[in-house]
Amino acid sequence: MICEFTWCEKVWRADLSQPIDLSLKLKANGEPNPSAWYVDGPTMIPVQGDGFVGEVRQGGSVNFRNIVFNPHGHGTHTECLGHITKEIHSVDHTLRDQPTHFPCSVLSVTPELRGEDLVVDAVALKGLGEGPWTPALAVRTLPNLVEKKTQAWSNTNPPYFTREFMEKLVAHGVEHLLVDLPSVDREVDGGKLEGHHAFWGLPEQPRAHCTITEFIYVPNSVPDGVYLLHLGVAPMDNDASPSRPVVYPTA
């Protein structure tokens, strides 16, 4: 199936028969699972009580499990500015009131060593040219090891993005940022969260329609370029929710 859309006064064709899923599956009960922020692993436990057991292999009639996880700490998730505001904002509401398909650039970047940190600075964006830039950007950090799919990031000081990087995205109209790291900010930064604040324009010019998606994985077989993104978010009334970003090749 071919979808046509117009962006920057050009008609693009996206091949919907070739989906590229950027999400990482949420697993539980000790299975390898991408994680961060010092939280225990997710669990999926059958409900039991009054003679009922919510697991067919234990003799129950249905599988009926309680699931415990943290949307920020386990697997692919999308968050809104409510992540860092006093007011409650829902990522579901953020995306429910706008289109969920966006032109999206995939860009590979190599973090540079600064002291003890690996950082991605604004110079890494030169691969996008002078513009116009797509409203969504998926960043693949190099080296792009398959271990990212199950990595436990807590206490590892992962690479992060500089404030200048985020400000340049805002200046060029990027509204939805997707990264293959647990955060756009340094793991331990004293609560500054400069990247988050810069991207969402807080406190001066809040960009309530914008989102950040973390814990994606862009396969090495996917070349840099322009795609059509579908950003699917689980309907949860929370600042972050599990999500399934899928991109489609364009021509």
C-alpha atoms as a PDB file:
ATOM      1  CA  MET A   1       0.000   0.000   0.000  1.00  0.00           C
ATOM      2  CA  ILE A   2       1.372   3.413  -0.991  1.00  0.00           C
ATOM      3  CA  CYS A   3       0.480   6.580   0.917  1.00  0.00           C
ATOM      4  CA  GLU A   4       1.022  10.016  -0.583  1.00  0.00           C
ATOM      5  CA  PHE A   5       1.551  13.125   1.525  1.00  0.00           C
ATOM      6  CA  THR A   6       2.711  16.643   0.882  1.00  0.00           C
ATOM      7  CA  TRP A   7       5.575  18.206   2.803  1.00  0.00           C
ATOM      8  CA  CYS A   8       7.533  21.321   1.865  1.00  0.00           C
ATOM      9  CA  GLU A   9       5.570  21.696  -1.364  1.00  0.00           C
ATOM     10  CA  LYS A  10       6.633  18.242  -2.528  1.00  0.00           C
ATOM     11  CA  VAL A  11       4.542  15.100  -2.858  1.00  0.00           C
ATOM     12  CA  TRP A  12       6.120  12.156  -1.048  1.00  0.00           C
ATOM     13  CA  ARG A  13       5.199   8.480  -1.323  1.00  0.00           C
ATOM     14  CA  ALA A  14       5.471   6.208   1.726  1.00  0.00           C
ATOM     15  CA  ASP A  15       5.402   2.437   1.350  1.00  0.00           C
ATOM     16  CA  LEU A  16       3.099   1.211   4.135  1.00  0.00           C
ATOM     17  CA  SER A  17       3.911  -2.402   3.281  1.00  0.00           C
ATOM     18  CA  GLN A  18       7.438  -1.932   4.678  1.00  0.00           C
ATOM     19  CA  PRO A  19       7.003  -0.888   8.334  1.00  0.00           C
ATOM     20  CA  ILE A  20      10.154  -0.414  10.408  1.00  0.00           C
ATOM     21  CA  ASP A  21       9.292  -0.781  14.082  1.00  0.00           C
ATOM     22  CA  LEU A  22      11.557   1.338  16.301  1.00  0.00           C
ATOM     23  CA  SER A  23      10.065   0.164  19.599  1.00  0.00           C
ATOM     24  CA  LEU A  24      11.617  -2.178  22.141  1.00  0.00           C
ATOM     25  CA  LYS A  25       9.366  -4.870  23.539  1.00  0.00           C
ATOM     26  CA  LEU A  26       8.468  -4.715  27.225  1.00  0.00           C
ATOM     27  CA  LYS A  27       9.340  -8.021  28.867  1.00  0.00           C
ATOM     28  CA  ALA A  28       8.970  -9.074  32.475  1.00  0.00           C
ATOM     29  CA  ASN A  29       9.779 -11.512  35.261  1.00  0.00           C
ATOM     30  CA  GLY A  30      13.528 -11.459  34.813  1.00  0.00           C
ATOM     31  CA  GLU A  31      13.690 -11.544  31.008  1.00  0.00           C
ATOM     32  CA  PRO A  32      16.234  -9.178  29.400  1.00  0.00           C
ATOM     33  CA  ASN A  33      14.635  -5.770  29.241  1.00  0.00           C
ATOM     34  CA  PRO A  34      15.970  -2.270  28.535  1.00  0.00           C
ATOM     35  CA  SER A  35      15.840  -0.319  31.769  1.00  0.00           C
ATOM     36  CA  ALA A  36      17.069   2.798  33.550  1.00  0.00           C
ATOM     37  CA  TRP A  37      16.559   5.015  36.582  1.00  0.00           C
ATOM     38  CA  TYR A  38      17.240   2.364  39.226  1.00  0.00           C
ATOM     39  CA  VAL A  39      13.812   0.745  39.081  1.00  0.00           C
ATOM     40  CA  ASP A  40      13.245  -2.964  39.518  1.00  0.00           C
ATOM     41  CA  GLY A  41      12.304  -4.992  36.467  1.00  0.00           C
ATOM     42  CA  PRO A  42       8.683  -5.126  35.295  1.00  0.00           C
ATOM     43  CA  THR A  43       6.462  -7.963  36.496  1.00  0.00           C
ATOM     44  CA  MET A  44       3.456  -9.777  35.028  1.00  0.00           C
ATOM     45  CA  ILE A  45       1.765 -11.816  37.761  1.00  0.00           C
ATOM     46  CA  PRO A  46      -1.431 -13.891  37.423  1.00  0.00           C
ATOM     47  CA  VAL A  47      -4.286 -12.712  39.622  1.00  0.00           C
ATOM     48  CA  GLN A  48      -5.261 -15.289  42.257  1.00  0.00           C
ATOM     49  CA  GLY A  49      -7.995 -15.449  44.863  1.00  0.00           C
ATOM     50  CA  ASP A  50     -11.211 -17.211  45.909  1.00  0.00           C
ATOM     51  CA  GLY A  51     -10.284 -20.285  43.885  1.00  0.00           C
ATOM     52  CA  PHE A  52      -9.484 -18.262  40.781  1.00  0.00           C
ATOM     53  CA  VAL A  53      -6.094 -18.327  39.079  1.00  0.00           C
ATOM     54  CA  GLY A  54      -5.427 -16.077  36.095  1.00  0.00           C
ATOM     55  CA  GLU A  55      -3.187 -18.434  34.185  1.00  0.00           C
ATOM     56  CA  VAL A  56      -4.296 -21.219  31.883  1.00  0.00           C
ATOM     57  CA  ARG A  57      -1.222 -23.368  32.453  1.00  0.00           C
ATOM     58  CA  GLN A  58      -1.999 -23.360  36.193  1.00  0.00           C
ATOM     59  CA  GLY A  59      -5.530 -24.592  35.550  1.00  0.00           C
ATOM     60  CA  GLY A  60      -7.268 -21.274  35.022  1.00  0.00           C
ATOM     61  CA  SER A  61      -9.733 -20.633  32.219  1.00  0.00           C
ATOM     62  CA  VAL A  62      -8.043 -17.405  31.075  1.00  0.00           C
ATOM     63  CA  ASN A  63      -4.760 -15.560  31.352  1.00  0.00           C
ATOM     64  CA  PHE A  64      -5.424 -12.539  33.579  1.00  0.00           C
ATOM     65  CA  ARG A  65      -2.272 -10.815  34.817  1.00  0.00           C
ATOM     66  CA  ASN A  66      -1.414  -7.746  36.849  1.00  0.00           C
ATOM     67  CA  ILE A  67       1.390  -5.825  35.156  1.00  0.00           C
ATOM     68  CA  VAL A  68       3.726  -3.530  37.093  1.00  0.00           C
ATOM     69  CA  PHE A  69       6.205  -1.332  35.237  1.00  0.00           C
ATOM     70  CA  ASN A  70       7.517   2.223  35.053  1.00  0.00           C
ATOM     71  CA  PRO A  71       6.888   3.960  31.718  1.00  0.00           C
ATOM     72  CA  HIS A  72      10.060   6.047  32.028  1.00  0.00           C
ATOM     73  CA  GLY A  73      12.277   3.207  33.204  1.00  0.00           C
ATOM     74  CA  HIS A  74      11.136   0.266  31.081  1.00  0.00           C
ATOM     75  CA  GLY A  75      11.148   0.117  27.300  1.00  0.00           C
ATOM     76  CA  THR A  76      10.111   2.491  24.557  1.00  0.00           C
ATOM     77  CA  HIS A  77       7.981   5.368  25.795  1.00  0.00           C
ATOM     78  CA  THR A  78       6.812   8.800  24.725  1.00  0.00           C
ATOM     79  CA  GLU A  79       6.598  11.715  27.143  1.00  0.00           C
ATOM     80  CA  CYS A  80       5.172  15.232  27.094  1.00  0.00           C
ATOM     81  CA  LEU A  81       6.126  18.419  28.926  1.00  0.00           C
ATOM     82  CA  GLY A  82       4.149  17.155  31.923  1.00  0.00           C
ATOM     83  CA  HIS A  83       7.284  15.179  32.737  1.00  0.00           C
ATOM     84  CA  ILE A  84       8.849  18.332  34.211  1.00  0.00           C
ATOM     85  CA  THR A  85       5.925  20.631  35.130  1.00  0.00           C
ATOM     86  CA  LYS A  86       3.948  21.118  38.328  1.00  0.00           C
ATOM     87  CA  GLU A  87       0.743  20.899  36.330  1.00  0.00           C
ATOM     88  CA  ILE A  88      -0.485  17.481  35.248  1.00  0.00           C
ATOM     89  CA  HIS A  89      -0.209  17.007  31.477  1.00  0.00           C
ATOM     90  CA  SER A  90      -1.160  13.817  29.648  1.00  0.00           C
ATOM     91  CA  VAL A  91       0.830  12.540  26.693  1.00  0.00           C
ATOM     92  CA  ASP A  92      -2.327  10.813  25.484  1.00  0.00           C
ATOM     93  CA  HIS A  93      -4.124  14.166  25.384  1.00  0.00           C
ATOM     94  CA  THR A  94      -1.103  15.751  23.688  1.00  0.00           C
ATOM     95  CA  LEU A  95      -1.230  13.355  20.741  1.00  0.00           C
ATOM     96  CA  ARG A  96      -4.970  12.684  20.713  1.00  0.00           C
ATOM     97  CA  ASP A  97      -5.614  16.243  19.528  1.00  0.00           C
ATOM     98  CA  GLN A  98      -3.130  16.243  16.655  1.00  0.00           C
ATOM     99  CA  PRO A  99      -2.101  14.015  13.733  1.00  0.00           C
ATOM    100  CA  THR A 100      -0.041  10.948  14.629  1.00  0.00           C
ATOM    101  CA  HIS A 101       1.797  10.730  11.290  1.00  0.00           C
ATOM    102  CA  PHE A 102       4.769  12.995  10.668  1.00  0.00           C
ATOM    103  CA  PRO A 103       7.602  13.326   8.164  1.00  0.00           C
ATOM    104  CA  CYS A 104      10.602  12.081  10.122  1.00  0.00           C
ATOM    105  CA  SER A 105      14.342  12.172   9.514  1.00  0.00           C
ATOM    106  CA  VAL A 106      16.582   9.362  10.719  1.00  0.00           C
ATOM    107  CA  LEU A 107      20.004  10.734  11.646  1.00  0.00           C
ATOM    108  CA  SER A 108      23.066   8.831  12.859  1.00  0.00           C
ATOM    109  CA  VAL A 109      25.341  10.682  15.288  1.00  0.00           C
ATOM    110  CA  THR A 110      28.546   9.828  17.120  1.00  0.00           C
ATOM    111  CA  PRO A 111      28.783  11.139  20.703  1.00  0.00           C
ATOM    112  CA  GLU A 112      32.052  12.931  21.491  1.00  0.00           C
ATOM    113  CA  LEU A 113      34.059  12.498  24.653  1.00  0.00           C
ATOM    114  CA  ARG A 114      34.097  15.489  27.009  1.00  0.00           C
ATOM    115  CA  GLY A 115      35.841  14.679  30.240  1.00  0.00           C
ATOM    116  CA  GLU A 116      34.012  11.643  31.602  1.00  0.00           C
ATOM    117  CA  ASP A 117      30.928  12.206  29.445  1.00  0.00           C
ATOM    118  CA  LEU A 118      29.842  11.238  25.955  1.00  0.00           C
ATOM    119  CA  VAL A 119      27.782  14.086  24.508  1.00  0.00           C
ATOM    120  CA  VAL A 120      25.935  14.867  21.290  1.00  0.00           C
ATOM    121  CA  ASP A 121      26.351  18.539  20.415  1.00  0.00           C
ATOM    122  CA  ALA A 122      24.634  20.738  17.840  1.00  0.00           C
ATOM    123  CA  VAL A 123      27.421  20.104  15.296  1.00  0.00           C
ATOM    124  CA  ALA A 124      26.029  16.567  14.929  1.00  0.00           C
ATOM    125  CA  LEU A 125      22.978  18.070  13.220  1.00  0.00           C
ATOM    126  CA  LYS A 126      24.945  19.188  10.173  1.00  0.00           C
ATOM    127  CA  GLY A 127      23.759  16.016   8.453  1.00  0.00           C
ATOM    128  CA  LEU A 128      20.278  17.533   8.229  1.00  0.00           C
ATOM    129  CA  GLY A 129      21.491  20.488   6.167  1.00  0.00           C
ATOM    130  CA  GLU A 130      20.158  23.992   6.560  1.00  0.00           C
ATOM    131  CA  GLY A 131      16.547  22.997   6.246  1.00  0.00           C
ATOM    132  CA  PRO A 132      13.686  22.801   6.134  1.00  0.00           C
ATOM    133  CA  TRP A 133      13.808  20.044   8.731  1.00  0.00           C
ATOM    134  CA  THR A 134      11.142  17.423   9.283  1.00  0.00           C
ATOM    135  CA  PRO A 135       8.839  17.906  12.292  1.00  0.00           C
ATOM    136  CA  ALA A 136      10.089  14.601  13.725  1.00  0.00           C
ATOM    137  CA  LEU A 137      13.662  13.388  14.181  1.00  0.00           C
ATOM    138  CA  ALA A 138      14.850   9.898  15.144  1.00  0.00           C
ATOM    139  CA  VAL A 139      18.441   9.842  16.382  1.00  0.00           C
ATOM    140  CA  ARG A 140      20.606   6.730  16.137  1.00  0.00           C
ATOM    141  CA  THR A 141      23.764   6.947  18.252  1.00  0.00           C
ATOM    142  CA  LEU A 142      26.890   5.158  17.079  1.00  0.00           C
ATOM    143  CA  PRO A 143      28.133   2.553  17.605  1.00  0.00           C
ATOM    144  CA  ASN A 144      24.678   1.067  17.219  1.00  0.00           C
ATOM    145  CA  LEU A 145      25.143  -2.148  19.155  1.00  0.00           C
ATOM    146  CA  VAL A 146      22.331  -4.690  19.372  1.00  0.00           C
ATOM    147  CA  GLU A 147      22.926  -4.781  23.137  1.00  0.00           C
ATOM    148  CA  LYS A 148      20.956  -1.523  23.342  1.00  0.00           C
ATOM    149  CA  LYS A 149      17.791  -3.613  23.069  1.00  0.00           C
ATOM    150  CA  THR A 150      18.300  -5.126  26.513  1.00  0.00           C
ATOM    151  CA  GLN A 151      20.782  -2.808  28.203  1.00  0.00           C
ATOM    152  CA  ALA A 152      20.469  -1.868  31.867  1.00  0.00           C
ATOM    153  CA  TRP A 153      21.506   1.802  31.797  1.00  0.00           C
ATOM    154  CA  SER A 154      21.362   2.648  35.501  1.00  0.00           C
ATOM    155  CA  ASN A 155      24.669   3.953  36.903  1.00  0.00           C
ATOM    156  CA  THR A 156      26.375   3.891  33.476  1.00  0.00           C
ATOM    157  CA  ASN A 157      26.380   7.651  32.670  1.00  0.00           C
ATOM    158  CA  PRO A 158      24.889   7.164  29.172  1.00  0.00           C
ATOM    159  CA  PRO A 159      25.528   9.636  26.337  1.00  0.00           C
ATOM    160  CA  TYR A 160      23.279  12.686  26.353  1.00  0.00           C
ATOM    161  CA  PHE A 161      22.440  15.792  24.293  1.00  0.00           C
ATOM    162  CA  THR A 162      23.664  19.311  24.929  1.00  0.00           C
ATOM    163  CA  ARG A 163      21.343  22.240  25.464  1.00  0.00           C
ATOM    164  CA  GLU A 164      22.659  23.695  22.187  1.00  0.00           C
ATOM    165  CA  PHE A 165      21.584  20.540  20.352  1.00  0.00           C
ATOM    166  CA  MET A 166      18.059  20.837  21.711  1.00  0.00           C
ATOM    167  CA  GLU A 167      17.839  24.571  21.049  1.00  0.00           C
ATOM    168  CA  LYS A 168      18.813  24.021  17.427  1.00  0.00           C
ATOM    169  CA  LEU A 169      16.026  21.471  17.045  1.00  0.00           C
ATOM    170  CA  VAL A 170      13.551  24.008  18.371  1.00  0.00           C
ATOM    171  CA  ALA A 171      14.894  26.713  16.051  1.00  0.00           C
ATOM    172  CA  HIS A 172      14.367  24.422  13.059  1.00  0.00           C
ATOM    173  CA  GLY A 173      10.849  23.392  14.018  1.00  0.00           C
ATOM    174  CA  VAL A 174      11.427  19.834  15.246  1.00  0.00           C
ATOM    175  CA  GLU A 175       8.445  18.934  17.424  1.00  0.00           C
ATOM    176  CA  HIS A 176       8.921  15.209  18.060  1.00  0.00           C
ATOM    177  CA  LEU A 177      12.324  13.855  19.054  1.00  0.00           C
ATOM    178  CA  LEU A 178      13.042  10.124  19.242  1.00  0.00           C
ATOM    179  CA  VAL A 179      16.296   8.833  20.759  1.00  0.00           C
ATOM    180  CA  ASP A 180      17.843   5.426  21.442  1.00  0.00           C
ATOM    181  CA  LEU A 181      18.967   6.427  24.927  1.00  0.00           C
ATOM    182  CA  PRO A 182      17.172   6.446  28.306  1.00  0.00           C
ATOM    183  CA  SER A 183      17.149  10.262  28.409  1.00  0.00           C
ATOM    184  CA  VAL A 184      18.147  13.351  26.473  1.00  0.00           C
ATOM    185  CA  ASP A 185      19.853  14.641  29.641  1.00  0.00           C
ATOM    186  CA  ARG A 186      22.788  13.498  31.737  1.00  0.00           C
ATOM    187  CA  GLU A 187      21.955  10.677  34.143  1.00  0.00           C
ATOM    188  CA  VAL A 188      23.078  12.722  37.143  1.00  0.00           C
ATOM    189  CA  ASP A 189      22.784  16.468  36.544  1.00  0.00           C
ATOM    190  CA  GLY A 190      21.478  17.778  39.854  1.00  0.00           C
ATOM    191  CA  GLY A 191      17.914  17.959  38.540  1.00  0.00           C
ATOM    192  CA  LYS A 192      18.681  20.606  35.883  1.00  0.00           C
ATOM    193  CA  LEU A 193      17.234  18.656  32.935  1.00  0.00           C
ATOM    194  CA  GLU A 194      18.485  21.364  30.585  1.00  0.00           C
ATOM    195  CA  GLY A 195      17.724  19.373  27.449  1.00  0.00           C
ATOM    196  CA  HIS A 196      14.128  18.704  28.436  1.00  0.00           C
ATOM    197  CA  HIS A 197      13.555  22.341  29.399  1.00  0.00           C
ATOM    198  CA  ALA A 198      15.088  23.655  26.180  1.00  0.00           C
ATOM    199  CA  PHE A 199      13.068  21.313  23.948  1.00  0.00           C
ATOM    200  CA  TRP A 200       9.765  22.088  25.648  1.00  0.00           C
ATOM    201  CA  GLY A 201      10.503  25.817  25.894  1.00  0.00           C
ATOM    202  CA  LEU A 202      10.010  25.942  29.631  1.00  0.00           C
ATOM    203  CA  PRO A 203       9.242  28.120  31.409  1.00  0.00           C
ATOM    204  CA  GLU A 204       9.045  31.041  28.949  1.00  0.00           C
ATOM    205  CA  GLN A 205       7.507  29.500  25.798  1.00  0.00           C
ATOM    206  CA  PRO A 206       6.012  26.086  26.564  1.00  0.00           C
ATOM    207  CA  ARG A 207       5.618  23.799  23.543  1.00  0.00           C
ATOM    208  CA  ALA A 208       2.765  21.679  24.849  1.00  0.00           C
ATOM    209  CA  HIS A 209       2.271  19.870  21.525  1.00  0.00           C
ATOM    210  CA  CYS A 210       5.800  18.441  21.422  1.00  0.00           C
ATOM    211  CA  THR A 211       7.021  15.027  22.573  1.00  0.00           C
ATOM    212  CA  ILE A 212      10.201  13.149  23.373  1.00  0.00           C
ATOM    213  CA  THR A 213      10.391   9.399  22.778  1.00  0.00           C
ATOM    214  CA  GLU A 214      13.173   7.421  24.465  1.00  0.00           C
ATOM    215  CA  PHE A 215      14.470   3.841  24.303  1.00  0.00           C
ATOM    216  CA  ILE A 216      13.952   3.362  20.568  1.00  0.00           C
ATOM    217  CA  TYR A 217      16.209   1.192  18.418  1.00  0.00           C
ATOM    218  CA  VAL A 218      16.943   2.029  14.770  1.00  0.00           C
ATOM    219  CA  PRO A 219      18.274  -1.078  12.978  1.00  0.00           C
ATOM    220  CA  ASN A 220      21.613  -0.716  11.220  1.00  0.00           C
ATOM    221  CA  SER A 221      19.917  -1.754   7.980  1.00  0.00           C
ATOM    222  CA  VAL A 222      17.874   1.472   7.992  1.00  0.00           C
ATOM    223  CA  PRO A 223      19.728   4.273   6.146  1.00  0.00           C
ATOM    224  CA  ASP A 224      19.618   7.893   7.233  1.00  0.00           C
ATOM    225  CA  GLY A 225      16.972   9.848   5.367  1.00  0.00           C
ATOM    226  CA  VAL A 226      13.327  10.922   5.361  1.00  0.00           C
ATOM    227  CA  TYR A 227      10.555   8.550   6.434  1.00  0.00           C
ATOM    228  CA  LEU A 228       6.895   8.751   7.405  1.00  0.00           C
ATOM    229  CA  LEU A 229       6.508   8.222  11.141  1.00  0.00           C
ATOM    230  CA  HIS A 230       3.477   6.854  12.923  1.00  0.00           C
ATOM    231  CA  LEU A 231       3.776   7.612  16.627  1.00  0.00           C
ATOM    232  CA  GLY A 232       1.417   5.261  18.432  1.00  0.00           C
ATOM    233  CA  VAL A 233       0.978   5.834  22.173  1.00  0.00           C
ATOM    234  CA  ALA A 234      -0.895   3.663  24.675  1.00  0.00           C
ATOM    235  CA  PRO A 235      -3.969   5.610  25.903  1.00  0.00           C
ATOM    236  CA  MET A 236      -2.825   6.346  29.456  1.00  0.00           C
ATOM    237  CA  ASP A 237      -3.560   9.576  31.299  1.00  0.00           C
ATOM    238  CA  ASN A 238       0.046  10.122  32.357  1.00  0.00           C
ATOM    239  CA  ASP A 239       2.986  12.321  31.393  1.00  0.00           C
ATOM    240  CA  ALA A 240       4.575   9.278  29.708  1.00  0.00           C
ATOM    241  CA  SER A 241       3.198   6.156  28.110  1.00  0.00           C
ATOM    242  CA  PRO A 242       4.532   3.059  26.335  1.00  0.00           C
ATOM    243  CA  SER A 243       4.700   3.759  22.630  1.00  0.00           C
ATOM    244  CA  ARG A 244       5.298   2.085  19.287  1.00  0.00           C
ATOM    245  CA  PRO A 245       6.958   4.422  16.785  1.00  0.00           C
ATOM    246  CA  VAL A 246       6.967   2.940  13.275  1.00  0.00           C
ATOM    247  CA  VAL A 247       8.610   4.533  10.223  1.00  0.00           C
ATOM    248  CA  TYR A 248       7.940   3.849   6.561  1.00  0.00           C
ATOM    249  CA  PRO A 249      10.367   4.385   3.651  1.00  0.00           C
ATOM    250  CA  THR A 250       9.605   7.307   1.377  1.00  0.00           C
ATOM    251  CA  ALA A 251      10.410   8.332  -2.163  1.00  0.00           C
END
